[in-house]
Amino acid sequence: LNTKVYAESGGSSMEVDIDDMIKSTDFGLLFGAGIDINIGSVVITLDGRYNFGLTDLNNNLVPGYTFKTNAIQILAGVGFAIK
């Protein structure tokens, strides 16, 4: 969506568009687990997920380095029965 780098040093700032230096497509694996706990008419939801990036996104931004996406996601929710 947006591949800009912002830098600030000594009171001056700079913005650089690195769109051509980062690959636009990413593939990965997503692992997760969740549980729903029923408490009367209320449901408590807990989920955890891990995203493991497979694609090297470096397109000559920093030669010799690998950039991959990795993320941990945690979800907690409360549901109510509507009658």
PDB file of N, CA and C in Angstrom:
ATOM      1  N   LEU A   1       0.804  -1.197   0.000  1.00  0.00           N
ATOM      2  CA  LEU A   1       0.000   0.000   0.000  1.00  0.00           C
ATOM      3  C   LEU A   1       0.844   1.256   0.000  1.00  0.00           C
ATOM      4  N   ASN A   2       1.879   1.255   0.845  1.00  0.00           N
ATOM      5  CA  ASN A   2       2.719   2.438   0.951  1.00  0.00           C
ATOM      6  C   ASN A   2       4.126   1.984   1.316  1.00  0.00           C
ATOM      7  N   THR A   3       5.095   2.345   0.510  1.00  0.00           N
ATOM      8  CA  THR A   3       6.477   1.941   0.783  1.00  0.00           C
ATOM      9  C   THR A   3       7.361   3.174   0.851  1.00  0.00           C
ATOM     10  N   LYS A   4       7.147   3.954   1.891  1.00  0.00           N
ATOM     11  CA  LYS A   4       7.947   5.154   2.106  1.00  0.00           C
ATOM     12  C   LYS A   4       8.718   5.015   3.404  1.00  0.00           C
ATOM     13  N   VAL A   5       9.920   5.553   3.406  1.00  0.00           N
ATOM     14  CA  VAL A   5      10.767   5.555   4.595  1.00  0.00           C
ATOM     15  C   VAL A   5      10.900   7.000   5.051  1.00  0.00           C
ATOM     16  N   TYR A   6      10.670   7.225   6.342  1.00  0.00           N
ATOM     17  CA  TYR A   6      10.802   8.557   6.932  1.00  0.00           C
ATOM     18  C   TYR A   6      12.037   8.580   7.822  1.00  0.00           C
ATOM     19  N   ALA A   7      12.856   9.595   7.666  1.00  0.00           N
ATOM     20  CA  ALA A   7      14.070   9.714   8.471  1.00  0.00           C
ATOM     21  C   ALA A   7      14.183  11.151   8.979  1.00  0.00           C
ATOM     22  N   GLU A   8      14.703  11.275  10.197  1.00  0.00           N
ATOM     23  CA  GLU A   8      14.894  12.596  10.793  1.00  0.00           C
ATOM     24  C   GLU A   8      16.250  12.624  11.474  1.00  0.00           C
ATOM     25  N   SER A   9      17.017  13.693  11.222  1.00  0.00           N
ATOM     26  CA  SER A   9      18.334  13.816  11.820  1.00  0.00           C
ATOM     27  C   SER A   9      18.722  15.288  11.884  1.00  0.00           C
ATOM     28  N   GLY A  10      19.177  15.716  13.029  1.00  0.00           N
ATOM     29  CA  GLY A  10      19.668  17.079  13.196  1.00  0.00           C
ATOM     30  C   GLY A  10      18.649  18.159  12.860  1.00  0.00           C
ATOM     31  N   GLY A  11      17.376  17.907  13.129  1.00  0.00           N
ATOM     32  CA  GLY A  11      16.343  18.904  12.873  1.00  0.00           C
ATOM     33  C   GLY A  11      15.782  18.883  11.464  1.00  0.00           C
ATOM     34  N   SER A  12      16.350  18.111  10.572  1.00  0.00           N
ATOM     35  CA  SER A  12      15.801  18.010   9.218  1.00  0.00           C
ATOM     36  C   SER A  12      15.209  16.618   9.018  1.00  0.00           C
ATOM     37  N   SER A  13      14.191  16.546   8.173  1.00  0.00           N
ATOM     38  CA  SER A  13      13.545  15.258   7.922  1.00  0.00           C
ATOM     39  C   SER A  13      13.542  14.970   6.427  1.00  0.00           C
ATOM     40  N   MET A  14      13.358  13.704   6.100  1.00  0.00           N
ATOM     41  CA  MET A  14      13.423  13.276   4.709  1.00  0.00           C
ATOM     42  C   MET A  14      12.441  12.134   4.500  1.00  0.00           C
ATOM     43  N   GLU A  15      11.826  12.080   3.319  1.00  0.00           N
ATOM     44  CA  GLU A  15      10.918  11.006   2.961  1.00  0.00           C
ATOM     45  C   GLU A  15      11.390  10.408   1.635  1.00  0.00           C
ATOM     46  N   VAL A  16      11.545   9.075   1.601  1.00  0.00           N
ATOM     47  CA  VAL A  16      12.026   8.398   0.405  1.00  0.00           C
ATOM     48  C   VAL A  16      11.032   7.312   0.024  1.00  0.00           C
ATOM     49  N   ASP A  17      10.625   7.275  -1.239  1.00  0.00           N
ATOM     50  CA  ASP A  17       9.740   6.233  -1.746  1.00  0.00           C
ATOM     51  C   ASP A  17      10.596   5.061  -2.213  1.00  0.00           C
ATOM     52  N   ILE A  18      10.419   3.891  -1.587  1.00  0.00           N
ATOM     53  CA  ILE A  18      11.235   2.717  -1.915  1.00  0.00           C
ATOM     54  C   ILE A  18      10.401   1.650  -2.627  1.00  0.00           C
ATOM     55  N   ASP A  19       9.356   2.052  -3.326  1.00  0.00           N
ATOM     56  CA  ASP A  19       8.436   1.129  -3.986  1.00  0.00           C
ATOM     57  C   ASP A  19       9.151   0.178  -4.948  1.00  0.00           C
ATOM     58  N   ASP A  20      10.122   0.651  -5.704  1.00  0.00           N
ATOM     59  CA  ASP A  20      10.835  -0.197  -6.666  1.00  0.00           C
ATOM     60  C   ASP A  20      11.849  -1.125  -6.002  1.00  0.00           C
ATOM     61  N   MET A  21      12.127  -0.915  -4.724  1.00  0.00           N
ATOM     62  CA  MET A  21      13.130  -1.711  -4.031  1.00  0.00           C
ATOM     63  C   MET A  21      12.529  -2.817  -3.172  1.00  0.00           C
ATOM     64  N   ILE A  22      11.186  -2.886  -3.098  1.00  0.00           N
ATOM     65  CA  ILE A  22      10.481  -3.890  -2.306  1.00  0.00           C
ATOM     66  C   ILE A  22       9.524  -4.640  -3.228  1.00  0.00           C
ATOM     67  N   LYS A  23       9.521  -5.966  -3.156  1.00  0.00           N
ATOM     68  CA  LYS A  23       8.598  -6.756  -3.972  1.00  0.00           C
ATOM     69  C   LYS A  23       7.165  -6.524  -3.504  1.00  0.00           C
ATOM     70  N   SER A  24       6.223  -6.547  -4.440  1.00  0.00           N
ATOM     71  CA  SER A  24       4.833  -6.206  -4.120  1.00  0.00           C
ATOM     72  C   SER A  24       3.980  -7.417  -3.758  1.00  0.00           C
ATOM     73  N   THR A  25       4.476  -8.630  -3.950  1.00  0.00           N
ATOM     74  CA  THR A  25       3.707  -9.836  -3.650  1.00  0.00           C
ATOM     75  C   THR A  25       4.412 -10.631  -2.558  1.00  0.00           C
ATOM     76  N   ASP A  26       3.612 -11.111  -1.611  1.00  0.00           N
ATOM     77  CA  ASP A  26       4.161 -11.851  -0.483  1.00  0.00           C
ATOM     78  C   ASP A  26       3.361 -13.144  -0.299  1.00  0.00           C
ATOM     79  N   PHE A  27       4.053 -14.240  -0.062  1.00  0.00           N
ATOM     80  CA  PHE A  27       3.417 -15.513   0.243  1.00  0.00           C
ATOM     81  C   PHE A  27       3.894 -15.973   1.611  1.00  0.00           C
ATOM     82  N   GLY A  28       3.012 -16.650   2.338  1.00  0.00           N
ATOM     83  CA  GLY A  28       3.390 -17.114   3.662  1.00  0.00           C
ATOM     84  C   GLY A  28       2.490 -18.230   4.143  1.00  0.00           C
ATOM     85  N   LEU A  29       2.797 -18.742   5.312  1.00  0.00           N
ATOM     86  CA  LEU A  29       2.005 -19.770   5.976  1.00  0.00           C
ATOM     87  C   LEU A  29       1.425 -19.182   7.249  1.00  0.00           C
ATOM     88  N   LEU A  30       0.186 -19.551   7.548  1.00  0.00           N
ATOM     89  CA  LEU A  30      -0.494 -19.058   8.742  1.00  0.00           C
ATOM     90  C   LEU A  30      -0.909 -20.251   9.584  1.00  0.00           C
ATOM     91  N   PHE A  31      -0.481 -20.257  10.835  1.00  0.00           N
ATOM     92  CA  PHE A  31      -0.846 -21.295  11.789  1.00  0.00           C
ATOM     93  C   PHE A  31      -1.628 -20.640  12.913  1.00  0.00           C
ATOM     94  N   GLY A  32      -2.647 -21.323  13.404  1.00  0.00           N
ATOM     95  CA  GLY A  32      -3.411 -20.723  14.482  1.00  0.00           C
ATOM     96  C   GLY A  32      -4.233 -21.736  15.245  1.00  0.00           C
ATOM     97  N   ALA A  33      -4.717 -21.288  16.388  1.00  0.00           N
ATOM     98  CA  ALA A  33      -5.586 -22.094  17.234  1.00  0.00           C
ATOM     99  C   ALA A  33      -6.488 -21.148  18.015  1.00  0.00           C
ATOM    100  N   GLY A  34      -7.642 -21.663  18.387  1.00  0.00           N
ATOM    101  CA  GLY A  34      -8.571 -20.838  19.141  1.00  0.00           C
ATOM    102  C   GLY A  34      -9.465 -21.670  20.021  1.00  0.00           C
ATOM    103  N   ILE A  35     -10.106 -20.983  20.933  1.00  0.00           N
ATOM    104  CA  ILE A  35     -11.024 -21.646  21.850  1.00  0.00           C
ATOM    105  C   ILE A  35     -12.195 -20.701  22.149  1.00  0.00           C
ATOM    106  N   ASP A  36     -13.380 -21.270  22.245  1.00  0.00           N
ATOM    107  CA  ASP A  36     -14.567 -20.531  22.668  1.00  0.00           C
ATOM    108  C   ASP A  36     -15.009 -21.099  24.011  1.00  0.00           C
ATOM    109  N   ILE A  37     -15.223 -20.238  24.977  1.00  0.00           N
ATOM    110  CA  ILE A  37     -15.639 -20.647  26.313  1.00  0.00           C
ATOM    111  C   ILE A  37     -17.051 -20.112  26.552  1.00  0.00           C
ATOM    112  N   ASN A  38     -18.002 -21.038  26.741  1.00  0.00           N
ATOM    113  CA  ASN A  38     -19.394 -20.651  26.999  1.00  0.00           C
ATOM    114  C   ASN A  38     -19.611 -20.438  28.486  1.00  0.00           C
ATOM    115  N   ILE A  39     -20.100 -19.253  28.827  1.00  0.00           N
ATOM    116  CA  ILE A  39     -20.442 -18.916  30.212  1.00  0.00           C
ATOM    117  C   ILE A  39     -21.877 -18.404  30.188  1.00  0.00           C
ATOM    118  N   GLY A  40     -22.836 -19.321  30.353  1.00  0.00           N
ATOM    119  CA  GLY A  40     -24.241 -18.937  30.249  1.00  0.00           C
ATOM    120  C   GLY A  40     -24.560 -18.488  28.827  1.00  0.00           C
ATOM    121  N   SER A  41     -25.060 -17.264  28.680  1.00  0.00           N
ATOM    122  CA  SER A  41     -25.396 -16.737  27.354  1.00  0.00           C
ATOM    123  C   SER A  41     -24.245 -15.916  26.761  1.00  0.00           C
ATOM    124  N   VAL A  42     -23.078 -15.942  27.411  1.00  0.00           N
ATOM    125  CA  VAL A  42     -21.906 -15.195  26.945  1.00  0.00           C
ATOM    126  C   VAL A  42     -20.857 -16.188  26.428  1.00  0.00           C
ATOM    127  N   VAL A  43     -20.217 -15.837  25.332  1.00  0.00           N
ATOM    128  CA  VAL A  43     -19.144 -16.667  24.774  1.00  0.00           C
ATOM    129  C   VAL A  43     -17.858 -15.844  24.764  1.00  0.00           C
ATOM    130  N   ILE A  44     -16.817 -16.354  25.408  1.00  0.00           N
ATOM    131  CA  ILE A  44     -15.498 -15.724  25.404  1.00  0.00           C
ATOM    132  C   ILE A  44     -14.666 -16.434  24.323  1.00  0.00           C
ATOM    133  N   THR A  45     -14.071 -15.658  23.419  1.00  0.00           N
ATOM    134  CA  THR A  45     -13.271 -16.209  22.328  1.00  0.00           C
ATOM    135  C   THR A  45     -11.810 -15.804  22.510  1.00  0.00           C
ATOM    136  N   LEU A  46     -10.898 -16.779  22.410  1.00  0.00           N
ATOM    137  CA  LEU A  46      -9.455 -16.526  22.462  1.00  0.00           C
ATOM    138  C   LEU A  46      -8.811 -17.228  21.263  1.00  0.00           C
ATOM    139  N   ASP A  47      -8.073 -16.484  20.462  1.00  0.00           N
ATOM    140  CA  ASP A  47      -7.387 -17.021  19.283  1.00  0.00           C
ATOM    141  C   ASP A  47      -5.941 -16.554  19.276  1.00  0.00           C
ATOM    142  N   GLY A  48      -5.071 -17.370  18.748  1.00  0.00           N
ATOM    143  CA  GLY A  48      -3.679 -17.000  18.537  1.00  0.00           C
ATOM    144  C   GLY A  48      -3.234 -17.488  17.167  1.00  0.00           C
ATOM    145  N   ARG A  49      -2.478 -16.672  16.449  1.00  0.00           N
ATOM    146  CA  ARG A  49      -2.021 -17.023  15.102  1.00  0.00           C
ATOM    147  C   ARG A  49      -0.576 -16.575  14.906  1.00  0.00           C
ATOM    148  N   TYR A  50       0.123 -17.311  14.023  1.00  0.00           N
ATOM    149  CA  TYR A  50       1.482 -16.930  13.656  1.00  0.00           C
ATOM    150  C   TYR A  50       1.583 -16.959  12.138  1.00  0.00           C
ATOM    151  N   ASN A  51       2.040 -15.866  11.548  1.00  0.00           N
ATOM    152  CA  ASN A  51       2.238 -15.750  10.108  1.00  0.00           C
ATOM    153  C   ASN A  51       3.731 -15.865   9.828  1.00  0.00           C
ATOM    154  N   PHE A  52       4.088 -16.849   9.008  1.00  0.00           N
ATOM    155  CA  PHE A  52       5.484 -17.109   8.656  1.00  0.00           C
ATOM    156  C   PHE A  52       5.684 -16.773   7.186  1.00  0.00           C
ATOM    157  N   GLY A  53       6.421 -15.700   6.903  1.00  0.00           N
ATOM    158  CA  GLY A  53       6.646 -15.256   5.530  1.00  0.00           C
ATOM    159  C   GLY A  53       7.588 -16.175   4.770  1.00  0.00           C
ATOM    160  N   LEU A  54       7.241 -16.463   3.518  1.00  0.00           N
ATOM    161  CA  LEU A  54       8.065 -17.320   2.667  1.00  0.00           C
ATOM    162  C   LEU A  54       8.826 -16.541   1.597  1.00  0.00           C
ATOM    163  N   THR A  55       8.369 -15.330   1.279  1.00  0.00           N
ATOM    164  CA  THR A  55       8.941 -14.544   0.189  1.00  0.00           C
ATOM    165  C   THR A  55       9.993 -13.566   0.702  1.00  0.00           C
ATOM    166  N   ASP A  56      11.136 -13.528   0.022  1.00  0.00           N
ATOM    167  CA  ASP A  56      12.134 -12.489   0.297  1.00  0.00           C
ATOM    168  C   ASP A  56      11.678 -11.214  -0.404  1.00  0.00           C
ATOM    169  N   LEU A  57      11.300 -10.204   0.365  1.00  0.00           N
ATOM    170  CA  LEU A  57      10.749  -8.962  -0.190  1.00  0.00           C
ATOM    171  C   LEU A  57      11.814  -7.987  -0.661  1.00  0.00           C
ATOM    172  N   ASN A  58      13.076  -8.277  -0.370  1.00  0.00           N
ATOM    173  CA  ASN A  58      14.166  -7.382  -0.756  1.00  0.00           C
ATOM    174  C   ASN A  58      14.376  -7.436  -2.272  1.00  0.00           C
ATOM    175  N   ASN A  59      14.169  -6.322  -2.924  1.00  0.00           N
ATOM    176  CA  ASN A  59      14.375  -6.209  -4.369  1.00  0.00           C
ATOM    177  C   ASN A  59      15.490  -5.197  -4.610  1.00  0.00           C
ATOM    178  N   ASN A  60      16.659  -5.491  -4.030  1.00  0.00           N
ATOM    179  CA  ASN A  60      17.853  -4.641  -4.139  1.00  0.00           C
ATOM    180  C   ASN A  60      17.787  -3.384  -3.275  1.00  0.00           C
ATOM    181  N   LEU A  61      16.977  -3.401  -2.201  1.00  0.00           N
ATOM    182  CA  LEU A  61      16.973  -2.280  -1.253  1.00  0.00           C
ATOM    183  C   LEU A  61      18.279  -2.277  -0.471  1.00  0.00           C
ATOM    184  N   VAL A  62      18.628  -3.422   0.126  1.00  0.00           N
ATOM    185  CA  VAL A  62      19.895  -3.590   0.838  1.00  0.00           C
ATOM    186  C   VAL A  62      20.500  -4.907   0.350  1.00  0.00           C
ATOM    187  N   PRO A  63      21.437  -4.855  -0.593  1.00  0.00           N
ATOM    188  CA  PRO A  63      22.014  -6.086  -1.143  1.00  0.00           C
ATOM    189  C   PRO A  63      22.610  -6.981  -0.058  1.00  0.00           C
ATOM    190  N   GLY A  64      22.333  -8.287  -0.176  1.00  0.00           N
ATOM    191  CA  GLY A  64      22.868  -9.249   0.780  1.00  0.00           C
ATOM    192  C   GLY A  64      21.979  -9.515   1.976  1.00  0.00           C
ATOM    193  N   TYR A  65      20.843  -8.822   2.108  1.00  0.00           N
ATOM    194  CA  TYR A  65      19.932  -9.022   3.233  1.00  0.00           C
ATOM    195  C   TYR A  65      18.623  -9.621   2.754  1.00  0.00           C
ATOM    196  N   THR A  66      17.948 -10.330   3.650  1.00  0.00           N
ATOM    197  CA  THR A  66      16.654 -10.934   3.369  1.00  0.00           C
ATOM    198  C   THR A  66      15.598 -10.262   4.235  1.00  0.00           C
ATOM    199  N   PHE A  67      14.482  -9.858   3.612  1.00  0.00           N
ATOM    200  CA  PHE A  67      13.360  -9.267   4.341  1.00  0.00           C
ATOM    201  C   PHE A  67      12.154 -10.179   4.177  1.00  0.00           C
ATOM    202  N   LYS A  68      11.644 -10.692   5.289  1.00  0.00           N
ATOM    203  CA  LYS A  68      10.450 -11.539   5.264  1.00  0.00           C
ATOM    204  C   LYS A  68       9.477 -11.052   6.320  1.00  0.00           C
ATOM    205  N   THR A  69       8.196 -11.233   6.033  1.00  0.00           N
ATOM    206  CA  THR A  69       7.167 -10.826   6.993  1.00  0.00           C
ATOM    207  C   THR A  69       6.927 -11.960   7.980  1.00  0.00           C
ATOM    208  N   ASN A  70       6.867 -11.628   9.235  1.00  0.00           N
ATOM    209  CA  ASN A  70       6.488 -12.545  10.303  1.00  0.00           C
ATOM    210  C   ASN A  70       5.606 -11.767  11.258  1.00  0.00           C
ATOM    211  N   ALA A  71       4.550 -12.415  11.737  1.00  0.00           N
ATOM    212  CA  ALA A  71       3.633 -11.696  12.624  1.00  0.00           C
ATOM    213  C   ALA A  71       2.998 -12.648  13.618  1.00  0.00           C
ATOM    214  N   ILE A  72       2.747 -12.141  14.808  1.00  0.00           N
ATOM    215  CA  ILE A  72       1.974 -12.839  15.828  1.00  0.00           C
ATOM    216  C   ILE A  72       0.680 -12.064  15.999  1.00  0.00           C
ATOM    217  N   GLN A  73      -0.438 -12.784  15.962  1.00  0.00           N
ATOM    218  CA  GLN A  73      -1.740 -12.150  16.130  1.00  0.00           C
ATOM    219  C   GLN A  73      -2.444 -12.782  17.319  1.00  0.00           C
ATOM    220  N   ILE A  74      -3.025 -11.948  18.169  1.00  0.00           N
ATOM    221  CA  ILE A  74      -3.783 -12.399  19.318  1.00  0.00           C
ATOM    222  C   ILE A  74      -5.155 -11.754  19.264  1.00  0.00           C
ATOM    223  N   LEU A  75      -6.204 -12.564  19.422  1.00  0.00           N
ATOM    224  CA  LEU A  75      -7.575 -12.066  19.353  1.00  0.00           C
ATOM    225  C   LEU A  75      -8.323 -12.513  20.600  1.00  0.00           C
ATOM    226  N   ALA A  76      -9.028 -11.581  21.192  1.00  0.00           N
ATOM    227  CA  ALA A  76      -9.908 -11.878  22.311  1.00  0.00           C
ATOM    228  C   ALA A  76     -11.244 -11.212  22.039  1.00  0.00           C
ATOM    229  N   GLY A  77     -12.315 -11.935  22.291  1.00  0.00           N
ATOM    230  CA  GLY A  77     -13.630 -11.364  22.016  1.00  0.00           C
ATOM    231  C   GLY A  77     -14.681 -11.887  22.968  1.00  0.00           C
ATOM    232  N   VAL A  78     -15.788 -11.154  23.025  1.00  0.00           N
ATOM    233  CA  VAL A  78     -16.932 -11.522  23.846  1.00  0.00           C
ATOM    234  C   VAL A  78     -18.167 -11.511  22.960  1.00  0.00           C
ATOM    235  N   GLY A  79     -18.931 -12.594  22.990  1.00  0.00           N
ATOM    236  CA  GLY A  79     -20.159 -12.667  22.209  1.00  0.00           C
ATOM    237  C   GLY A  79     -21.364 -12.820  23.132  1.00  0.00           C
ATOM    238  N   PHE A  80     -22.478 -12.231  22.712  1.00  0.00           N
ATOM    239  CA  PHE A  80     -23.714 -12.290  23.481  1.00  0.00           C
ATOM    240  C   PHE A  80     -24.809 -12.894  22.623  1.00  0.00           C
ATOM    241  N   ALA A  81     -25.614 -13.762  23.225  1.00  0.00           N
ATOM    242  CA  ALA A  81     -26.737 -14.372  22.512  1.00  0.00           C
ATOM    243  C   ALA A  81     -27.863 -13.352  22.390  1.00  0.00           C
ATOM    244  N   ILE A  82     -28.421 -13.264  21.185  1.00  0.00           N
ATOM    245  CA  ILE A  82     -29.554 -12.374  20.942  1.00  0.00           C
ATOM    246  C   ILE A  82     -30.789 -13.254  20.763  1.00  0.00           C
ATOM    247  N   LYS A  83     -31.778 -13.019  21.585  1.00  0.00           N
ATOM    248  CA  LYS A  83     -32.985 -13.854  21.526  1.00  0.00           C
ATOM    249  C   LYS A  83     -34.175 -13.040  21.089  1.00  0.00           C
TER     250      LYS A  83
END
